[in-house]
Amino acid sequence: MRLADLTVSMHDDAVVARLTGEIDKSNTGELRTSITNATPNDAVGVVLDLSGVDYIDSAGIQLLFRLRDSLRVRGQALRLVIPFGSRVNDTLRLAGVERSVEVVEATDEGLEALASASG
């Protein structure tokens, strides 16, 4: 049984990765590798949609920071979609994620933020 499902698509020059389910120590390595491998070198960055995530632990939070760092090294950016009413909103805000990664309410906002940062 998979705890989390990942779908990845391209929107112009940005990657949109949507996670659903649970993110914990058992799947963070696989998720990070999958997202990184699905991101072409010429992409401006990744919009990671967490609106369908039901649970995230400290390993999942660490995944977000490591993903941000690995993208930054490649000259790419990360935007997180965390709607105010999502199940993991409080956890991620208490962990201070928005101080290190731009957080938006919707995928379109994340794509716009990447476009404006690159142009």
N, C-alpha and C. Protein backbone atom coordinates (compact mmCIF):
# COMPACT_ATOMS: atom_id res chain seq x y z
N MET A 1 0.83 -1.19 0.00
CA MET A 1 0.00 0.00 0.00
C MET A 1 0.87 1.25 0.00
N ARG A 2 0.59 2.15 -0.91
CA ARG A 2 1.33 3.41 -1.00
C ARG A 2 0.70 4.42 -0.07
N LEU A 3 1.54 5.12 0.67
CA LEU A 3 1.04 6.17 1.55
C LEU A 3 0.72 7.44 0.78
N ALA A 4 1.53 7.72 -0.24
CA ALA A 4 1.36 8.97 -0.99
C ALA A 4 1.39 8.67 -2.48
N ASP A 5 0.66 9.47 -3.22
CA ASP A 5 0.69 9.39 -4.68
C ASP A 5 1.21 10.71 -5.22
N LEU A 6 1.99 10.62 -6.27
CA LEU A 6 2.60 11.78 -6.89
C LEU A 6 2.23 11.80 -8.37
N THR A 7 1.74 12.95 -8.82
CA THR A 7 1.54 13.17 -10.26
C THR A 7 2.34 14.40 -10.65
N VAL A 8 3.00 14.31 -11.78
CA VAL A 8 3.86 15.39 -12.24
C VAL A 8 3.45 15.77 -13.66
N SER A 9 3.36 17.07 -13.91
CA SER A 9 3.06 17.56 -15.25
C SER A 9 3.86 18.83 -15.50
N MET A 10 4.03 19.15 -16.78
CA MET A 10 4.71 20.38 -17.18
C MET A 10 3.67 21.42 -17.56
N HIS A 11 3.89 22.64 -17.14
CA HIS A 11 3.07 23.79 -17.53
C HIS A 11 4.03 24.86 -18.00
N ASP A 12 4.11 25.01 -19.31
CA ASP A 12 5.10 25.88 -19.94
C ASP A 12 6.49 25.44 -19.49
N ASP A 13 7.21 26.28 -18.75
CA ASP A 13 8.56 25.92 -18.34
C ASP A 13 8.65 25.61 -16.84
N ALA A 14 7.54 25.20 -16.25
CA ALA A 14 7.51 24.86 -14.83
C ALA A 14 6.93 23.46 -14.63
N VAL A 15 7.37 22.81 -13.59
CA VAL A 15 6.86 21.49 -13.22
C VAL A 15 5.80 21.69 -12.13
N VAL A 16 4.69 21.01 -12.28
CA VAL A 16 3.67 20.97 -11.23
C VAL A 16 3.64 19.54 -10.70
N ALA A 17 3.95 19.40 -9.42
CA ALA A 17 3.93 18.09 -8.76
C ALA A 17 2.82 18.12 -7.71
N ARG A 18 1.91 17.16 -7.80
CA ARG A 18 0.80 17.09 -6.85
C ARG A 18 0.96 15.85 -5.99
N LEU A 19 0.98 16.08 -4.69
CA LEU A 19 1.07 14.98 -3.73
C LEU A 19 -0.26 14.80 -3.04
N THR A 20 -0.65 13.56 -2.85
CA THR A 20 -1.84 13.24 -2.07
C THR A 20 -1.48 12.12 -1.11
N GLY A 21 -2.16 12.08 0.02
CA GLY A 21 -1.92 11.02 1.00
C GLY A 21 -1.08 11.49 2.15
N GLU A 22 -0.15 10.61 2.57
CA GLU A 22 0.68 10.88 3.74
C GLU A 22 2.15 10.91 3.36
N ILE A 23 2.87 11.86 3.94
CA ILE A 23 4.30 11.98 3.71
C ILE A 23 4.99 11.75 5.04
N ASP A 24 5.80 10.70 5.08
CA ASP A 24 6.55 10.40 6.30
C ASP A 24 7.90 9.78 5.94
N LYS A 25 8.62 9.37 6.94
CA LYS A 25 9.97 8.85 6.75
C LYS A 25 10.03 7.71 5.75
N SER A 26 8.96 6.94 5.64
CA SER A 26 8.99 5.77 4.77
C SER A 26 8.98 6.11 3.28
N ASN A 27 8.56 7.33 2.91
CA ASN A 27 8.46 7.63 1.48
C ASN A 27 9.13 8.92 1.03
N THR A 28 9.78 9.64 1.95
CA THR A 28 10.35 10.94 1.56
C THR A 28 11.48 10.81 0.55
N GLY A 29 12.33 9.81 0.69
CA GLY A 29 13.44 9.64 -0.25
C GLY A 29 12.94 9.39 -1.65
N GLU A 30 11.98 8.50 -1.78
CA GLU A 30 11.40 8.18 -3.09
C GLU A 30 10.71 9.40 -3.70
N LEU A 31 9.98 10.14 -2.89
CA LEU A 31 9.28 11.32 -3.40
C LEU A 31 10.26 12.38 -3.89
N ARG A 32 11.30 12.63 -3.11
CA ARG A 32 12.28 13.64 -3.50
C ARG A 32 12.97 13.25 -4.80
N THR A 33 13.37 11.99 -4.91
CA THR A 33 14.01 11.52 -6.12
C THR A 33 13.08 11.64 -7.32
N SER A 34 11.83 11.26 -7.14
CA SER A 34 10.86 11.31 -8.24
C SER A 34 10.64 12.74 -8.72
N ILE A 35 10.50 13.67 -7.79
CA ILE A 35 10.27 15.07 -8.16
C ILE A 35 11.51 15.64 -8.84
N THR A 36 12.67 15.39 -8.29
CA THR A 36 13.92 15.91 -8.86
C THR A 36 14.15 15.34 -10.26
N ASN A 37 13.95 14.04 -10.42
CA ASN A 37 14.17 13.41 -11.73
C ASN A 37 13.16 13.88 -12.77
N ALA A 38 11.99 14.28 -12.34
CA ALA A 38 10.95 14.75 -13.28
C ALA A 38 11.12 16.22 -13.65
N THR A 39 12.10 16.88 -13.06
CA THR A 39 12.31 18.31 -13.29
C THR A 39 13.46 18.51 -14.27
N PRO A 40 13.15 18.91 -15.50
CA PRO A 40 14.22 19.15 -16.47
C PRO A 40 15.12 20.30 -16.03
N ASN A 41 16.36 20.25 -16.50
CA ASN A 41 17.32 21.30 -16.13
C ASN A 41 16.90 22.68 -16.61
N ASP A 42 16.11 22.75 -17.68
CA ASP A 42 15.71 24.06 -18.19
C ASP A 42 14.39 24.57 -17.60
N ALA A 43 13.81 23.84 -16.66
CA ALA A 43 12.59 24.32 -15.99
C ALA A 43 12.94 25.46 -15.04
N VAL A 44 12.02 26.42 -14.88
CA VAL A 44 12.26 27.52 -13.95
C VAL A 44 12.10 27.07 -12.50
N GLY A 45 11.34 26.00 -12.30
CA GLY A 45 11.16 25.50 -10.95
C GLY A 45 9.99 24.54 -10.84
N VAL A 46 9.62 24.31 -9.59
CA VAL A 46 8.58 23.33 -9.26
C VAL A 46 7.52 23.99 -8.40
N VAL A 47 6.27 23.77 -8.77
CA VAL A 47 5.14 24.11 -7.91
C VAL A 47 4.70 22.79 -7.29
N LEU A 48 4.87 22.67 -5.99
CA LEU A 48 4.53 21.45 -5.27
C LEU A 48 3.20 21.66 -4.56
N ASP A 49 2.18 20.97 -5.05
CA ASP A 49 0.82 21.11 -4.52
C ASP A 49 0.61 20.10 -3.39
N LEU A 50 0.47 20.63 -2.18
CA LEU A 50 0.27 19.79 -1.00
C LEU A 50 -1.17 19.82 -0.51
N SER A 51 -2.07 20.33 -1.33
CA SER A 51 -3.46 20.46 -0.88
C SER A 51 -4.14 19.12 -0.63
N GLY A 52 -3.64 18.05 -1.23
CA GLY A 52 -4.22 16.74 -1.02
C GLY A 52 -3.49 15.88 0.00
N VAL A 53 -2.55 16.49 0.73
CA VAL A 53 -1.79 15.75 1.74
C VAL A 53 -2.57 15.75 3.05
N ASP A 54 -2.76 14.56 3.61
CA ASP A 54 -3.51 14.40 4.85
C ASP A 54 -2.62 14.45 6.09
N TYR A 55 -1.35 14.09 5.93
CA TYR A 55 -0.45 14.00 7.07
C TYR A 55 0.98 14.22 6.59
N ILE A 56 1.75 14.96 7.38
CA ILE A 56 3.18 15.13 7.11
C ILE A 56 3.91 15.13 8.43
N ASP A 57 5.02 14.38 8.51
CA ASP A 57 5.79 14.36 9.75
C ASP A 57 7.08 15.17 9.55
N SER A 58 7.97 15.10 10.52
CA SER A 58 9.19 15.90 10.44
C SER A 58 10.06 15.51 9.25
N ALA A 59 10.06 14.24 8.87
CA ALA A 59 10.81 13.82 7.69
C ALA A 59 10.22 14.46 6.43
N GLY A 60 8.91 14.60 6.39
CA GLY A 60 8.26 15.25 5.26
C GLY A 60 8.59 16.73 5.19
N ILE A 61 8.66 17.35 6.35
CA ILE A 61 9.04 18.77 6.39
C ILE A 61 10.49 18.92 5.92
N GLN A 62 11.35 18.02 6.37
CA GLN A 62 12.75 18.03 5.93
C GLN A 62 12.84 17.84 4.41
N LEU A 63 11.97 17.00 3.85
CA LEU A 63 11.91 16.80 2.40
C LEU A 63 11.73 18.13 1.68
N LEU A 64 10.84 18.97 2.19
CA LEU A 64 10.57 20.26 1.55
C LEU A 64 11.82 21.14 1.53
N PHE A 65 12.55 21.17 2.64
CA PHE A 65 13.76 21.98 2.71
C PHE A 65 14.86 21.42 1.80
N ARG A 66 15.00 20.11 1.76
CA ARG A 66 16.03 19.50 0.90
C ARG A 66 15.69 19.68 -0.57
N LEU A 67 14.43 19.56 -0.89
CA LEU A 67 14.01 19.79 -2.27
C LEU A 67 14.28 21.23 -2.67
N ARG A 68 13.95 22.17 -1.81
CA ARG A 68 14.24 23.58 -2.07
C ARG A 68 15.73 23.78 -2.33
N ASP A 69 16.57 23.19 -1.48
CA ASP A 69 18.02 23.36 -1.61
C ASP A 69 18.55 22.75 -2.91
N SER A 70 18.08 21.54 -3.26
CA SER A 70 18.58 20.90 -4.47
C SER A 70 18.14 21.66 -5.72
N LEU A 71 16.93 22.21 -5.69
CA LEU A 71 16.48 23.02 -6.82
C LEU A 71 17.28 24.33 -6.91
N ARG A 72 17.54 24.92 -5.77
CA ARG A 72 18.29 26.19 -5.74
C ARG A 72 19.69 26.02 -6.35
N VAL A 73 20.33 24.88 -6.05
CA VAL A 73 21.65 24.60 -6.62
C VAL A 73 21.58 24.55 -8.14
N ARG A 74 20.46 24.09 -8.67
CA ARG A 74 20.26 24.00 -10.12
C ARG A 74 19.75 25.31 -10.72
N GLY A 75 19.61 26.34 -9.91
CA GLY A 75 19.11 27.62 -10.39
C GLY A 75 17.60 27.64 -10.57
N GLN A 76 16.91 26.78 -9.84
CA GLN A 76 15.46 26.67 -9.94
C GLN A 76 14.82 27.03 -8.62
N ALA A 77 13.53 27.27 -8.66
CA ALA A 77 12.81 27.70 -7.46
C ALA A 77 11.72 26.69 -7.10
N LEU A 78 11.28 26.78 -5.86
CA LEU A 78 10.20 25.94 -5.36
C LEU A 78 9.10 26.84 -4.81
N ARG A 79 7.87 26.54 -5.18
CA ARG A 79 6.70 27.19 -4.61
C ARG A 79 5.79 26.09 -4.08
N LEU A 80 5.27 26.30 -2.88
CA LEU A 80 4.40 25.32 -2.26
C LEU A 80 2.95 25.78 -2.29
N VAL A 81 2.05 24.89 -2.66
CA VAL A 81 0.62 25.17 -2.61
C VAL A 81 0.10 24.54 -1.33
N ILE A 82 -0.26 25.42 -0.39
CA ILE A 82 -0.81 24.98 0.90
C ILE A 82 -2.04 25.84 1.18
N PRO A 83 -3.21 25.39 0.75
CA PRO A 83 -4.41 26.17 1.01
C PRO A 83 -4.65 26.33 2.51
N PHE A 84 -5.24 27.45 2.87
CA PHE A 84 -5.47 27.75 4.27
C PHE A 84 -6.23 26.63 4.99
N GLY A 85 -7.18 26.01 4.33
CA GLY A 85 -7.98 24.97 4.97
C GLY A 85 -7.45 23.56 4.83
N SER A 86 -6.24 23.40 4.27
CA SER A 86 -5.71 22.05 4.09
C SER A 86 -5.35 21.41 5.43
N ARG A 87 -5.31 20.10 5.42
CA ARG A 87 -5.05 19.35 6.66
C ARG A 87 -3.66 19.59 7.23
N VAL A 88 -2.69 19.92 6.38
CA VAL A 88 -1.32 20.10 6.86
C VAL A 88 -0.92 21.56 7.03
N ASN A 89 -1.85 22.46 6.80
CA ASN A 89 -1.56 23.88 6.89
C ASN A 89 -0.94 24.26 8.23
N ASP A 90 -1.58 23.91 9.32
CA ASP A 90 -1.08 24.29 10.64
C ASP A 90 0.30 23.70 10.91
N THR A 91 0.49 22.44 10.58
CA THR A 91 1.77 21.78 10.82
C THR A 91 2.90 22.50 10.09
N LEU A 92 2.68 22.80 8.82
CA LEU A 92 3.73 23.43 8.03
C LEU A 92 3.98 24.88 8.45
N ARG A 93 2.95 25.57 8.82
CA ARG A 93 3.14 26.96 9.27
C ARG A 93 3.85 26.99 10.62
N LEU A 94 3.51 26.07 11.52
CA LEU A 94 4.22 26.00 12.81
C LEU A 94 5.68 25.65 12.63
N ALA A 95 5.97 24.87 11.60
CA ALA A 95 7.36 24.49 11.31
C ALA A 95 8.13 25.62 10.63
N GLY A 96 7.44 26.69 10.27
CA GLY A 96 8.10 27.85 9.66
C GLY A 96 8.45 27.68 8.20
N VAL A 97 7.75 26.80 7.52
CA VAL A 97 8.05 26.54 6.11
C VAL A 97 7.94 27.82 5.28
N GLU A 98 6.95 28.66 5.56
CA GLU A 98 6.74 29.85 4.74
C GLU A 98 7.87 30.87 4.89
N ARG A 99 8.72 30.73 5.89
CA ARG A 99 9.88 31.63 6.03
C ARG A 99 10.99 31.25 5.06
N SER A 100 10.96 30.01 4.54
CA SER A 100 12.03 29.54 3.66
C SER A 100 11.59 29.28 2.23
N VAL A 101 10.30 29.05 2.06
CA VAL A 101 9.75 28.73 0.74
C VAL A 101 8.48 29.54 0.56
N GLU A 102 8.31 30.14 -0.62
CA GLU A 102 7.09 30.90 -0.86
C GLU A 102 5.89 29.96 -0.89
N VAL A 103 4.88 30.30 -0.11
CA VAL A 103 3.66 29.50 -0.01
C VAL A 103 2.53 30.26 -0.67
N VAL A 104 1.76 29.55 -1.50
CA VAL A 104 0.62 30.14 -2.18
C VAL A 104 -0.61 29.28 -1.92
N GLU A 105 -1.77 29.82 -2.27
CA GLU A 105 -3.04 29.13 -2.02
C GLU A 105 -3.47 28.20 -3.15
N ALA A 106 -2.98 28.45 -4.38
CA ALA A 106 -3.43 27.68 -5.53
C ALA A 106 -2.29 27.48 -6.52
N THR A 107 -2.40 26.44 -7.34
CA THR A 107 -1.38 26.11 -8.33
C THR A 107 -1.13 27.27 -9.28
N ASP A 108 -2.18 27.92 -9.75
CA ASP A 108 -2.00 29.05 -10.67
C ASP A 108 -1.17 30.16 -10.06
N GLU A 109 -1.37 30.42 -8.77
CA GLU A 109 -0.57 31.43 -8.07
C GLU A 109 0.90 31.03 -8.05
N GLY A 110 1.16 29.75 -7.83
CA GLY A 110 2.54 29.26 -7.81
C GLY A 110 3.20 29.40 -9.16
N LEU A 111 2.46 29.08 -10.22
CA LEU A 111 2.99 29.23 -11.58
C LEU A 111 3.28 30.70 -11.89
N GLU A 112 2.39 31.59 -11.48
CA GLU A 112 2.61 33.03 -11.68
C GLU A 112 3.83 33.50 -10.90
N ALA A 113 4.00 33.02 -9.67
CA ALA A 113 5.13 33.41 -8.85
C ALA A 113 6.45 32.95 -9.48
N LEU A 114 6.47 31.73 -10.03
CA LEU A 114 7.67 31.26 -10.71
C LEU A 114 7.97 32.09 -11.96
N ALA A 115 6.93 32.40 -12.71
CA ALA A 115 7.11 33.19 -13.93
C ALA A 115 7.65 34.58 -13.62
N SER A 116 7.12 35.21 -12.58
CA SER A 116 7.58 36.56 -12.24
C SER A 116 8.99 36.54 -11.65
N ALA A 117 9.36 35.47 -10.97
CA ALA A 117 10.70 35.37 -10.40
C ALA A 117 11.76 35.13 -11.48
N SER A 118 11.36 34.46 -12.54
CA SER A 118 12.33 34.14 -13.60
C SER A 118 12.42 35.21 -14.67
N GLY A 119 11.42 36.08 -14.71
CA GLY A 119 11.40 37.06 -15.79
C GLY A 119 11.65 38.43 -15.39
